[in-house]
Amino acid sequence: MDYNYEQNLINSGHSIICGIDEAGRGPLAGPLVSAAVVLDRMSEELFILLNDSKLLSQKNRKAILPMILCHARSWSIGVASNVDIDRHGLSYANKIAMKRAWKYLSVTPDFILSDYMARLSFETPFELIKGGDRKIASIAAASIVAKEFHDRMMDAFALKYPEYGFHLHKGYGTQFHRDQLQWLGPCDIHRKSFAPVKATLL
């Protein structure tokens, strides 16, 4: 992966390019986490390591994360809680998290690159790219930051709710998680609008 896409935008007159992506759409519990990352265009040693967070091992993500944070001109996190998801729906909550991440940056981007999401828009000029986390360095970096922060949040929740094993499955619907959900019922961070959780409330 390289910085050519972003460099073309810079050549056309833009100066601060932000990549945005999210993690945690699918779990039955916990928040949805988005990250916004403005990379330093000189980070050549980082670009060759970047990829969609879903295609990287946990070990590689953990190794790359500090490099991203070190080389980023700015980065930020936006979170939509399970309450946001239950109240507004997953798609809208996803947009909330992405816009929070964008707003929290310490610099103001003049162009945003995001993985594609229907009806997502920003006040700043932007482009939505299908499979962007596998093609565009800034989006890939954001996907790794979002995934690592999501998983660390779930590790923290595991200390508060140890019976559910959140440190093992990060909230996703594994058989163990579903079995514990059936046995214990949902806890405060479960997404009660999701069918497998809602079924335990009947």
N, C-alpha and C. Protein backbone atom coordinates (compact mmCIF):
# COMPACT_ATOMS: atom_id res chain seq x y z
N MET A 1 0.85 -1.18 0.00
CA MET A 1 0.00 0.00 0.00
C MET A 1 0.89 1.24 0.00
N ASP A 2 0.47 2.27 -0.70
CA ASP A 2 1.26 3.49 -0.79
C ASP A 2 0.36 4.71 -0.54
N TYR A 3 0.93 5.89 -0.73
CA TYR A 3 0.23 7.14 -0.46
C TYR A 3 -0.17 7.84 -1.75
N ASN A 4 -0.19 7.11 -2.85
CA ASN A 4 -0.43 7.73 -4.15
C ASN A 4 -1.80 8.37 -4.26
N TYR A 5 -2.83 7.71 -3.71
CA TYR A 5 -4.18 8.26 -3.80
C TYR A 5 -4.25 9.60 -3.10
N GLU A 6 -3.70 9.64 -1.88
CA GLU A 6 -3.68 10.88 -1.12
C GLU A 6 -2.80 11.93 -1.81
N GLN A 7 -1.67 11.48 -2.38
CA GLN A 7 -0.76 12.41 -3.03
C GLN A 7 -1.43 13.08 -4.23
N ASN A 8 -2.25 12.34 -4.95
CA ASN A 8 -2.98 12.93 -6.08
C ASN A 8 -3.94 14.01 -5.61
N LEU A 9 -4.57 13.80 -4.44
CA LEU A 9 -5.44 14.83 -3.88
C LEU A 9 -4.64 16.06 -3.48
N ILE A 10 -3.46 15.83 -2.91
CA ILE A 10 -2.58 16.94 -2.53
C ILE A 10 -2.15 17.71 -3.78
N ASN A 11 -1.82 16.97 -4.83
CA ASN A 11 -1.40 17.62 -6.09
C ASN A 11 -2.52 18.46 -6.69
N SER A 12 -3.77 18.10 -6.36
CA SER A 12 -4.91 18.85 -6.91
C SER A 12 -5.30 20.03 -6.01
N GLY A 13 -4.55 20.24 -4.92
CA GLY A 13 -4.79 21.42 -4.11
C GLY A 13 -5.20 21.20 -2.67
N HIS A 14 -5.42 19.94 -2.27
CA HIS A 14 -5.77 19.66 -0.88
C HIS A 14 -4.49 19.49 -0.06
N SER A 15 -4.59 19.75 1.24
CA SER A 15 -3.39 19.69 2.06
C SER A 15 -3.50 18.76 3.27
N ILE A 16 -4.72 18.56 3.80
CA ILE A 16 -4.90 17.71 4.97
C ILE A 16 -5.91 16.62 4.63
N ILE A 17 -5.41 15.42 4.40
CA ILE A 17 -6.25 14.29 3.98
C ILE A 17 -6.49 13.38 5.18
N CYS A 18 -7.75 13.11 5.44
CA CYS A 18 -8.13 12.28 6.59
C CYS A 18 -8.75 10.97 6.11
N GLY A 19 -8.32 9.87 6.69
CA GLY A 19 -8.95 8.58 6.47
C GLY A 19 -9.84 8.22 7.65
N ILE A 20 -11.01 7.65 7.39
CA ILE A 20 -11.94 7.27 8.45
C ILE A 20 -12.43 5.84 8.22
N ASP A 21 -12.49 5.07 9.29
CA ASP A 21 -13.08 3.73 9.21
C ASP A 21 -13.59 3.36 10.61
N GLU A 22 -14.31 2.24 10.68
CA GLU A 22 -14.92 1.84 11.94
C GLU A 22 -14.64 0.38 12.25
N ALA A 23 -14.90 0.01 13.50
CA ALA A 23 -14.82 -1.39 13.94
C ALA A 23 -15.94 -1.64 14.92
N GLY A 24 -16.47 -2.84 14.89
CA GLY A 24 -17.48 -3.21 15.88
C GLY A 24 -18.92 -3.11 15.41
N ARG A 25 -19.16 -3.23 14.11
CA ARG A 25 -20.55 -3.23 13.63
C ARG A 25 -21.28 -4.51 14.03
N GLY A 26 -20.58 -5.64 13.99
CA GLY A 26 -21.24 -6.93 14.11
C GLY A 26 -21.46 -7.50 15.50
N PRO A 27 -20.72 -7.07 16.52
CA PRO A 27 -20.86 -7.69 17.84
C PRO A 27 -22.26 -7.56 18.44
N LEU A 28 -22.55 -8.43 19.39
CA LEU A 28 -23.81 -8.39 20.12
C LEU A 28 -23.72 -7.48 21.33
N ALA A 29 -22.51 -7.02 21.64
CA ALA A 29 -22.31 -6.19 22.83
C ALA A 29 -21.21 -5.17 22.57
N GLY A 30 -21.27 -4.10 23.35
CA GLY A 30 -20.21 -3.11 23.30
C GLY A 30 -20.44 -2.00 22.30
N PRO A 31 -19.50 -1.06 22.24
CA PRO A 31 -19.65 0.11 21.39
C PRO A 31 -19.21 -0.15 19.96
N LEU A 32 -19.58 0.76 19.10
CA LEU A 32 -19.03 0.84 17.75
C LEU A 32 -17.99 1.96 17.79
N VAL A 33 -16.79 1.68 17.28
CA VAL A 33 -15.67 2.62 17.39
C VAL A 33 -15.20 3.03 16.00
N SER A 34 -15.08 4.32 15.78
CA SER A 34 -14.53 4.85 14.53
C SER A 34 -13.22 5.56 14.83
N ALA A 35 -12.35 5.59 13.84
CA ALA A 35 -11.09 6.32 13.96
C ALA A 35 -10.92 7.22 12.75
N ALA A 36 -10.35 8.38 12.99
CA ALA A 36 -9.96 9.30 11.93
C ALA A 36 -8.45 9.50 12.02
N VAL A 37 -7.76 9.37 10.90
CA VAL A 37 -6.29 9.44 10.89
C VAL A 37 -5.83 10.34 9.75
N VAL A 38 -4.98 11.30 10.08
CA VAL A 38 -4.30 12.13 9.09
C VAL A 38 -2.84 11.70 9.10
N LEU A 39 -2.42 10.99 8.05
CA LEU A 39 -1.06 10.46 8.01
C LEU A 39 -0.06 11.51 7.55
N ASP A 40 1.16 11.35 8.01
CA ASP A 40 2.28 12.13 7.50
C ASP A 40 2.66 11.53 6.16
N ARG A 41 2.70 12.34 5.12
CA ARG A 41 2.97 11.83 3.77
C ARG A 41 4.37 11.21 3.64
N MET A 42 5.26 11.44 4.63
CA MET A 42 6.63 10.91 4.54
C MET A 42 6.77 9.53 5.20
N SER A 43 5.67 8.93 5.64
CA SER A 43 5.73 7.68 6.40
C SER A 43 5.86 6.45 5.50
N GLU A 44 6.86 6.43 4.63
CA GLU A 44 6.99 5.34 3.65
C GLU A 44 7.15 3.98 4.33
N GLU A 45 7.90 3.92 5.44
CA GLU A 45 8.13 2.64 6.11
C GLU A 45 6.83 2.09 6.71
N LEU A 46 5.88 2.96 6.99
CA LEU A 46 4.59 2.52 7.52
C LEU A 46 3.69 2.01 6.42
N PHE A 47 3.70 2.65 5.26
CA PHE A 47 2.76 2.31 4.19
C PHE A 47 2.87 0.85 3.76
N ILE A 48 4.08 0.31 3.75
CA ILE A 48 4.25 -1.07 3.29
C ILE A 48 3.67 -2.09 4.27
N LEU A 49 3.40 -1.66 5.51
CA LEU A 49 2.85 -2.57 6.52
C LEU A 49 1.34 -2.51 6.61
N LEU A 50 0.74 -1.46 6.03
CA LEU A 50 -0.69 -1.24 6.21
C LEU A 50 -1.54 -2.22 5.40
N ASN A 51 -2.68 -2.57 5.99
CA ASN A 51 -3.68 -3.36 5.29
C ASN A 51 -4.98 -3.23 6.07
N ASP A 52 -6.06 -3.70 5.49
CA ASP A 52 -7.34 -3.77 6.19
C ASP A 52 -7.12 -4.51 7.51
N SER A 53 -7.61 -3.94 8.61
CA SER A 53 -7.39 -4.56 9.92
C SER A 53 -7.91 -5.99 9.98
N LYS A 54 -8.95 -6.30 9.21
CA LYS A 54 -9.52 -7.65 9.22
C LYS A 54 -8.59 -8.67 8.58
N LEU A 55 -7.63 -8.20 7.79
CA LEU A 55 -6.69 -9.10 7.12
C LEU A 55 -5.36 -9.23 7.87
N LEU A 56 -5.24 -8.52 8.99
CA LEU A 56 -4.02 -8.57 9.78
C LEU A 56 -4.26 -9.40 11.04
N SER A 57 -3.22 -10.09 11.48
CA SER A 57 -3.31 -10.82 12.74
C SER A 57 -3.34 -9.83 13.90
N GLN A 58 -3.84 -10.28 15.03
CA GLN A 58 -3.86 -9.42 16.21
C GLN A 58 -2.44 -8.97 16.57
N LYS A 59 -1.48 -9.86 16.44
CA LYS A 59 -0.08 -9.53 16.74
C LYS A 59 0.42 -8.41 15.84
N ASN A 60 0.10 -8.49 14.54
CA ASN A 60 0.56 -7.45 13.60
C ASN A 60 -0.15 -6.13 13.84
N ARG A 61 -1.45 -6.19 14.15
CA ARG A 61 -2.17 -4.95 14.45
C ARG A 61 -1.56 -4.24 15.65
N LYS A 62 -1.25 -5.01 16.68
CA LYS A 62 -0.68 -4.41 17.89
C LYS A 62 0.69 -3.80 17.60
N ALA A 63 1.45 -4.41 16.69
CA ALA A 63 2.78 -3.89 16.35
C ALA A 63 2.68 -2.62 15.50
N ILE A 64 1.69 -2.58 14.62
CA ILE A 64 1.55 -1.45 13.70
C ILE A 64 0.92 -0.23 14.38
N LEU A 65 0.04 -0.46 15.37
CA LEU A 65 -0.68 0.65 15.99
C LEU A 65 0.23 1.77 16.47
N PRO A 66 1.27 1.49 17.28
CA PRO A 66 2.11 2.62 17.74
C PRO A 66 2.83 3.33 16.61
N MET A 67 3.11 2.63 15.51
CA MET A 67 3.73 3.28 14.36
C MET A 67 2.76 4.28 13.73
N ILE A 68 1.48 3.88 13.63
CA ILE A 68 0.47 4.78 13.07
C ILE A 68 0.34 6.02 13.94
N LEU A 69 0.21 5.81 15.24
CA LEU A 69 0.01 6.93 16.15
C LEU A 69 1.23 7.86 16.17
N CYS A 70 2.41 7.28 16.00
CA CYS A 70 3.64 8.08 15.98
C CYS A 70 3.75 8.89 14.69
N HIS A 71 3.38 8.29 13.56
CA HIS A 71 3.55 8.94 12.26
C HIS A 71 2.37 9.81 11.86
N ALA A 72 1.26 9.68 12.57
CA ALA A 72 0.08 10.45 12.20
C ALA A 72 0.26 11.92 12.56
N ARG A 73 -0.16 12.78 11.67
CA ARG A 73 -0.19 14.21 11.98
C ARG A 73 -1.27 14.49 13.02
N SER A 74 -2.35 13.73 12.93
CA SER A 74 -3.43 13.80 13.92
C SER A 74 -4.24 12.51 13.85
N TRP A 75 -4.80 12.11 14.98
CA TRP A 75 -5.70 10.96 14.99
C TRP A 75 -6.72 11.16 16.11
N SER A 76 -7.86 10.53 15.97
CA SER A 76 -8.89 10.65 16.99
C SER A 76 -9.83 9.46 16.92
N ILE A 77 -10.60 9.30 17.99
CA ILE A 77 -11.55 8.20 18.12
C ILE A 77 -12.95 8.77 18.33
N GLY A 78 -13.94 8.16 17.69
CA GLY A 78 -15.34 8.48 17.93
C GLY A 78 -16.08 7.21 18.30
N VAL A 79 -16.90 7.28 19.32
CA VAL A 79 -17.59 6.09 19.83
C VAL A 79 -19.10 6.28 19.81
N ALA A 80 -19.80 5.25 19.38
CA ALA A 80 -21.25 5.16 19.55
C ALA A 80 -21.51 3.98 20.48
N SER A 81 -22.15 4.23 21.59
CA SER A 81 -22.36 3.18 22.59
C SER A 81 -23.46 2.22 22.15
N ASN A 82 -23.60 1.14 22.90
CA ASN A 82 -24.70 0.22 22.63
C ASN A 82 -26.05 0.91 22.81
N VAL A 83 -26.10 1.90 23.69
CA VAL A 83 -27.35 2.68 23.86
C VAL A 83 -27.64 3.49 22.60
N ASP A 84 -26.60 4.11 22.03
CA ASP A 84 -26.77 4.83 20.76
C ASP A 84 -27.29 3.90 19.68
N ILE A 85 -26.72 2.70 19.61
CA ILE A 85 -27.10 1.72 18.58
C ILE A 85 -28.56 1.30 18.76
N ASP A 86 -28.95 1.00 20.01
CA ASP A 86 -30.33 0.57 20.27
C ASP A 86 -31.32 1.70 20.01
N ARG A 87 -30.90 2.92 20.28
CA ARG A 87 -31.80 4.07 20.14
C ARG A 87 -31.96 4.52 18.69
N HIS A 88 -30.85 4.53 17.94
CA HIS A 88 -30.85 5.12 16.61
C HIS A 88 -30.73 4.11 15.47
N GLY A 89 -30.39 2.86 15.77
CA GLY A 89 -30.11 1.88 14.73
C GLY A 89 -28.64 1.86 14.40
N LEU A 90 -28.18 0.73 13.88
CA LEU A 90 -26.74 0.54 13.65
C LEU A 90 -26.18 1.50 12.63
N SER A 91 -26.87 1.67 11.51
CA SER A 91 -26.34 2.51 10.44
C SER A 91 -26.18 3.96 10.90
N TYR A 92 -27.20 4.49 11.56
CA TYR A 92 -27.12 5.87 12.01
C TYR A 92 -26.07 6.03 13.11
N ALA A 93 -25.98 5.05 14.02
CA ALA A 93 -24.97 5.10 15.07
C ALA A 93 -23.56 5.05 14.48
N ASN A 94 -23.41 4.30 13.40
CA ASN A 94 -22.12 4.23 12.71
C ASN A 94 -21.72 5.62 12.20
N LYS A 95 -22.67 6.31 11.62
CA LYS A 95 -22.40 7.67 11.13
C LYS A 95 -22.08 8.62 12.29
N ILE A 96 -22.78 8.45 13.42
CA ILE A 96 -22.49 9.27 14.60
C ILE A 96 -21.04 9.09 15.03
N ALA A 97 -20.59 7.83 15.12
CA ALA A 97 -19.21 7.54 15.55
C ALA A 97 -18.20 8.13 14.58
N MET A 98 -18.45 8.00 13.28
CA MET A 98 -17.52 8.52 12.28
C MET A 98 -17.42 10.05 12.37
N LYS A 99 -18.55 10.70 12.52
CA LYS A 99 -18.53 12.17 12.58
C LYS A 99 -17.91 12.66 13.88
N ARG A 100 -18.08 11.90 14.96
CA ARG A 100 -17.41 12.27 16.21
C ARG A 100 -15.89 12.16 16.03
N ALA A 101 -15.43 11.10 15.40
CA ALA A 101 -13.98 10.95 15.17
C ALA A 101 -13.45 12.11 14.34
N TRP A 102 -14.13 12.46 13.30
CA TRP A 102 -13.72 13.57 12.43
C TRP A 102 -13.67 14.88 13.20
N LYS A 103 -14.69 15.14 14.03
CA LYS A 103 -14.78 16.41 14.76
C LYS A 103 -13.70 16.52 15.84
N TYR A 104 -13.23 15.37 16.37
CA TYR A 104 -12.28 15.40 17.47
C TYR A 104 -10.83 15.57 17.01
N LEU A 105 -10.56 15.56 15.71
CA LEU A 105 -9.19 15.74 15.22
C LEU A 105 -8.64 17.09 15.67
N SER A 106 -7.33 17.12 15.90
CA SER A 106 -6.69 18.38 16.32
C SER A 106 -6.37 19.29 15.14
N VAL A 107 -6.52 18.77 13.93
CA VAL A 107 -6.39 19.58 12.72
C VAL A 107 -7.69 19.46 11.94
N THR A 108 -7.93 20.38 11.03
CA THR A 108 -9.17 20.35 10.25
C THR A 108 -8.89 19.84 8.84
N PRO A 109 -9.35 18.62 8.52
CA PRO A 109 -9.10 18.08 7.17
C PRO A 109 -9.82 18.90 6.10
N ASP A 110 -9.21 18.98 4.93
CA ASP A 110 -9.92 19.60 3.81
C ASP A 110 -10.37 18.56 2.80
N PHE A 111 -10.11 17.26 3.11
CA PHE A 111 -10.67 16.17 2.30
C PHE A 111 -10.70 14.92 3.16
N ILE A 112 -11.82 14.19 3.07
CA ILE A 112 -12.01 12.97 3.84
C ILE A 112 -12.15 11.78 2.91
N LEU A 113 -11.43 10.72 3.22
CA LEU A 113 -11.55 9.44 2.52
C LEU A 113 -12.13 8.43 3.51
N SER A 114 -13.22 7.80 3.13
CA SER A 114 -13.86 6.84 4.03
C SER A 114 -14.23 5.57 3.29
N ASP A 115 -14.20 4.47 4.01
CA ASP A 115 -14.75 3.24 3.47
C ASP A 115 -16.23 3.50 3.15
N TYR A 116 -16.72 2.86 2.11
CA TYR A 116 -18.07 3.17 1.61
C TYR A 116 -19.14 2.83 2.64
N MET A 117 -20.09 3.74 2.81
CA MET A 117 -21.29 3.51 3.60
C MET A 117 -22.41 4.32 2.97
N ALA A 118 -23.51 3.66 2.69
CA ALA A 118 -24.63 4.34 2.04
C ALA A 118 -25.11 5.53 2.85
N ARG A 119 -25.34 6.63 2.17
CA ARG A 119 -25.90 7.86 2.74
C ARG A 119 -25.01 8.50 3.81
N LEU A 120 -23.73 8.16 3.81
CA LEU A 120 -22.78 8.85 4.68
C LEU A 120 -22.31 10.12 3.98
N SER A 121 -22.26 11.22 4.71
CA SER A 121 -21.79 12.46 4.11
C SER A 121 -21.10 13.31 5.17
N PHE A 122 -20.26 14.23 4.73
CA PHE A 122 -19.56 15.16 5.60
C PHE A 122 -19.69 16.55 5.01
N GLU A 123 -19.56 17.56 5.88
CA GLU A 123 -19.57 18.93 5.39
C GLU A 123 -18.30 19.24 4.58
N THR A 124 -17.21 18.58 4.95
CA THR A 124 -15.94 18.70 4.23
C THR A 124 -16.01 17.88 2.95
N PRO A 125 -15.33 18.30 1.86
CA PRO A 125 -15.27 17.44 0.67
C PRO A 125 -14.81 16.03 1.03
N PHE A 126 -15.43 15.03 0.41
CA PHE A 126 -15.14 13.65 0.80
C PHE A 126 -15.34 12.71 -0.37
N GLU A 127 -14.82 11.49 -0.19
CA GLU A 127 -15.04 10.42 -1.16
C GLU A 127 -15.24 9.13 -0.39
N LEU A 128 -16.25 8.36 -0.75
CA LEU A 128 -16.52 7.05 -0.16
C LEU A 128 -16.05 5.98 -1.13
N ILE A 129 -15.22 5.07 -0.65
CA ILE A 129 -14.56 4.11 -1.54
C ILE A 129 -14.86 2.69 -1.09
N LYS A 130 -15.49 1.91 -1.95
CA LYS A 130 -15.75 0.51 -1.63
C LYS A 130 -14.43 -0.24 -1.47
N GLY A 131 -14.30 -0.97 -0.36
CA GLY A 131 -13.05 -1.68 -0.09
C GLY A 131 -11.89 -0.74 0.16
N GLY A 132 -12.19 0.48 0.60
CA GLY A 132 -11.13 1.47 0.80
C GLY A 132 -10.09 1.06 1.81
N ASP A 133 -10.49 0.24 2.80
CA ASP A 133 -9.53 -0.18 3.82
C ASP A 133 -8.51 -1.17 3.28
N ARG A 134 -8.71 -1.66 2.06
CA ARG A 134 -7.73 -2.55 1.41
C ARG A 134 -6.97 -1.84 0.29
N LYS A 135 -7.31 -0.56 0.04
CA LYS A 135 -6.73 0.16 -1.09
C LYS A 135 -6.02 1.46 -0.70
N ILE A 136 -6.54 2.14 0.31
CA ILE A 136 -6.12 3.50 0.62
C ILE A 136 -5.42 3.52 1.98
N ALA A 137 -4.19 4.02 2.02
CA ALA A 137 -3.37 3.98 3.23
C ALA A 137 -4.06 4.64 4.42
N SER A 138 -4.63 5.81 4.21
CA SER A 138 -5.25 6.55 5.32
C SER A 138 -6.44 5.79 5.90
N ILE A 139 -7.23 5.15 5.04
CA ILE A 139 -8.38 4.39 5.52
C ILE A 139 -7.91 3.12 6.23
N ALA A 140 -6.90 2.46 5.68
CA ALA A 140 -6.35 1.26 6.32
C ALA A 140 -5.82 1.58 7.71
N ALA A 141 -5.11 2.70 7.83
CA ALA A 141 -4.60 3.12 9.13
C ALA A 141 -5.74 3.34 10.11
N ALA A 142 -6.80 4.01 9.65
CA ALA A 142 -7.96 4.25 10.50
C ALA A 142 -8.62 2.94 10.91
N SER A 143 -8.67 1.97 10.01
CA SER A 143 -9.30 0.69 10.34
C SER A 143 -8.53 -0.03 11.44
N ILE A 144 -7.20 0.07 11.42
CA ILE A 144 -6.38 -0.58 12.45
C ILE A 144 -6.56 0.12 13.79
N VAL A 145 -6.53 1.45 13.79
CA VAL A 145 -6.72 2.21 15.03
C VAL A 145 -8.10 1.91 15.63
N ALA A 146 -9.13 1.91 14.80
CA ALA A 146 -10.48 1.64 15.29
C ALA A 146 -10.58 0.23 15.88
N LYS A 147 -10.04 -0.73 15.18
CA LYS A 147 -10.11 -2.12 15.64
C LYS A 147 -9.38 -2.31 16.96
N GLU A 148 -8.18 -1.75 17.08
CA GLU A 148 -7.40 -1.91 18.31
C GLU A 148 -8.08 -1.22 19.49
N PHE A 149 -8.62 -0.03 19.27
CA PHE A 149 -9.28 0.65 20.38
C PHE A 149 -10.58 -0.06 20.75
N HIS A 150 -11.31 -0.55 19.76
CA HIS A 150 -12.52 -1.33 20.05
C HIS A 150 -12.18 -2.54 20.92
N ASP A 151 -11.16 -3.29 20.51
CA ASP A 151 -10.83 -4.51 21.23
C ASP A 151 -10.31 -4.21 22.63
N ARG A 152 -9.59 -3.11 22.80
CA ARG A 152 -9.11 -2.74 24.14
C ARG A 152 -10.27 -2.33 25.04
N MET A 153 -11.27 -1.70 24.47
CA MET A 153 -12.46 -1.37 25.25
C MET A 153 -13.17 -2.64 25.70
N MET A 154 -13.24 -3.62 24.81
CA MET A 154 -13.90 -4.87 25.18
C MET A 154 -13.09 -5.64 26.22
N ASP A 155 -11.77 -5.55 26.18
CA ASP A 155 -10.93 -6.15 27.22
C ASP A 155 -11.23 -5.50 28.57
N ALA A 156 -11.44 -4.19 28.57
CA ALA A 156 -11.77 -3.49 29.81
C ALA A 156 -13.14 -3.92 30.33
N PHE A 157 -14.10 -4.07 29.41
CA PHE A 157 -15.44 -4.52 29.82
C PHE A 157 -15.39 -5.94 30.38
N ALA A 158 -14.43 -6.73 29.91
CA ALA A 158 -14.30 -8.10 30.42
C ALA A 158 -13.97 -8.13 31.91
N LEU A 159 -13.29 -7.10 32.39
CA LEU A 159 -12.97 -7.02 33.81
C LEU A 159 -14.22 -6.72 34.64
N LYS A 160 -15.15 -5.96 34.06
CA LYS A 160 -16.39 -5.61 34.76
C LYS A 160 -17.43 -6.72 34.66
N TYR A 161 -17.43 -7.41 33.52
CA TYR A 161 -18.41 -8.48 33.27
C TYR A 161 -17.66 -9.77 32.89
N PRO A 162 -16.93 -10.36 33.83
CA PRO A 162 -16.04 -11.49 33.48
C PRO A 162 -16.76 -12.73 32.98
N GLU A 163 -18.03 -12.90 33.35
CA GLU A 163 -18.74 -14.14 32.99
C GLU A 163 -18.95 -14.27 31.48
N TYR A 164 -18.92 -13.16 30.76
CA TYR A 164 -19.25 -13.21 29.33
C TYR A 164 -18.02 -13.45 28.44
N GLY A 165 -16.82 -13.33 28.97
CA GLY A 165 -15.62 -13.59 28.18
C GLY A 165 -15.37 -12.59 27.07
N PHE A 166 -15.67 -11.32 27.30
CA PHE A 166 -15.51 -10.31 26.26
C PHE A 166 -14.06 -10.19 25.77
N HIS A 167 -13.09 -10.53 26.62
CA HIS A 167 -11.69 -10.47 26.20
C HIS A 167 -11.36 -11.54 25.16
N LEU A 168 -12.20 -12.56 25.07
CA LEU A 168 -11.97 -13.65 24.12
C LEU A 168 -12.60 -13.37 22.76
N HIS A 169 -13.83 -12.91 22.75
CA HIS A 169 -14.56 -12.77 21.49
C HIS A 169 -14.89 -11.33 21.11
N LYS A 170 -14.53 -10.38 22.00
CA LYS A 170 -14.72 -8.93 21.74
C LYS A 170 -16.18 -8.57 21.47
N GLY A 171 -17.08 -9.37 21.99
CA GLY A 171 -18.50 -9.07 21.85
C GLY A 171 -19.19 -9.77 20.69
N TYR A 172 -18.43 -10.42 19.82
CA TYR A 172 -19.03 -11.10 18.67
C TYR A 172 -19.81 -12.35 19.15
N GLY A 173 -20.68 -12.82 18.29
CA GLY A 173 -21.62 -13.87 18.68
C GLY A 173 -21.06 -15.27 18.57
N THR A 174 -19.98 -15.55 19.26
CA THR A 174 -19.44 -16.90 19.28
C THR A 174 -20.41 -17.82 20.04
N GLN A 175 -20.18 -19.12 19.92
CA GLN A 175 -21.05 -20.05 20.63
C GLN A 175 -20.96 -19.85 22.13
N PHE A 176 -19.75 -19.64 22.64
CA PHE A 176 -19.60 -19.40 24.07
C PHE A 176 -20.38 -18.16 24.51
N HIS A 177 -20.26 -17.09 23.74
CA HIS A 177 -20.96 -15.85 24.09
C HIS A 177 -22.47 -16.07 24.08
N ARG A 178 -22.97 -16.74 23.05
CA ARG A 178 -24.42 -16.99 22.96
C ARG A 178 -24.88 -17.88 24.11
N ASP A 179 -24.06 -18.87 24.48
CA ASP A 179 -24.43 -19.75 25.59
C ASP A 179 -24.51 -18.96 26.90
N GLN A 180 -23.54 -18.08 27.13
CA GLN A 180 -23.55 -17.27 28.35
C GLN A 180 -24.71 -16.28 28.35
N LEU A 181 -25.02 -15.78 27.18
CA LEU A 181 -26.15 -14.86 27.05
C LEU A 181 -27.46 -15.57 27.39
N GLN A 182 -27.60 -16.80 26.92
CA GLN A 182 -28.79 -17.58 27.26
C GLN A 182 -28.86 -17.88 28.75
N TRP A 183 -27.71 -18.15 29.33
CA TRP A 183 -27.65 -18.55 30.74
C TRP A 183 -27.84 -17.36 31.68
N LEU A 184 -27.16 -16.25 31.36
CA LEU A 184 -27.11 -15.11 32.27
C LEU A 184 -28.06 -13.98 31.90
N GLY A 185 -28.49 -13.96 30.62
CA GLY A 185 -29.22 -12.81 30.13
C GLY A 185 -28.23 -11.70 29.79
N PRO A 186 -28.70 -10.62 29.19
CA PRO A 186 -27.80 -9.54 28.77
C PRO A 186 -27.32 -8.70 29.94
N CYS A 187 -26.14 -8.10 29.77
CA CYS A 187 -25.63 -7.14 30.74
C CYS A 187 -25.83 -5.73 30.18
N ASP A 188 -25.29 -4.73 30.86
CA ASP A 188 -25.56 -3.34 30.49
C ASP A 188 -25.01 -2.94 29.13
N ILE A 189 -24.01 -3.66 28.63
CA ILE A 189 -23.41 -3.26 27.35
C ILE A 189 -23.93 -4.08 26.17
N HIS A 190 -24.85 -4.98 26.38
CA HIS A 190 -25.40 -5.74 25.26
C HIS A 190 -26.32 -4.86 24.41
N ARG A 191 -26.34 -5.14 23.11
CA ARG A 191 -27.17 -4.41 22.15
C ARG A 191 -28.54 -5.09 22.12
N LYS A 192 -29.45 -4.53 22.88
CA LYS A 192 -30.74 -5.20 23.08
C LYS A 192 -31.64 -5.16 21.85
N SER A 193 -31.28 -4.37 20.85
CA SER A 193 -32.04 -4.35 19.60
C SER A 193 -31.59 -5.45 18.64
N PHE A 194 -30.47 -6.12 18.93
CA PHE A 194 -29.98 -7.21 18.07
C PHE A 194 -30.74 -8.48 18.39
N ALA A 195 -31.16 -9.20 17.36
CA ALA A 195 -32.09 -10.33 17.53
C ALA A 195 -31.64 -11.36 18.57
N PRO A 196 -30.37 -11.84 18.56
CA PRO A 196 -30.00 -12.86 19.56
C PRO A 196 -30.08 -12.35 21.00
N VAL A 197 -29.89 -11.05 21.20
CA VAL A 197 -30.01 -10.46 22.53
C VAL A 197 -31.47 -10.23 22.86
N LYS A 198 -32.20 -9.69 21.91
CA LYS A 198 -33.63 -9.41 22.12
C LYS A 198 -34.38 -10.69 22.49
N ALA A 199 -33.97 -11.81 21.90
CA ALA A 199 -34.66 -13.08 22.17
C ALA A 199 -34.54 -13.49 23.63
N THR A 200 -33.47 -13.07 24.29
CA THR A 200 -33.29 -13.45 25.70
C THR A 200 -34.12 -12.57 26.63
N LEU A 201 -34.74 -11.52 26.10
CA LEU A 201 -35.55 -10.62 26.91
C LEU A 201 -37.02 -11.02 26.93
N LEU A 202 -37.39 -11.95 26.05
CA LEU A 202 -38.79 -12.34 25.93
C LEU A 202 -39.22 -13.24 27.10
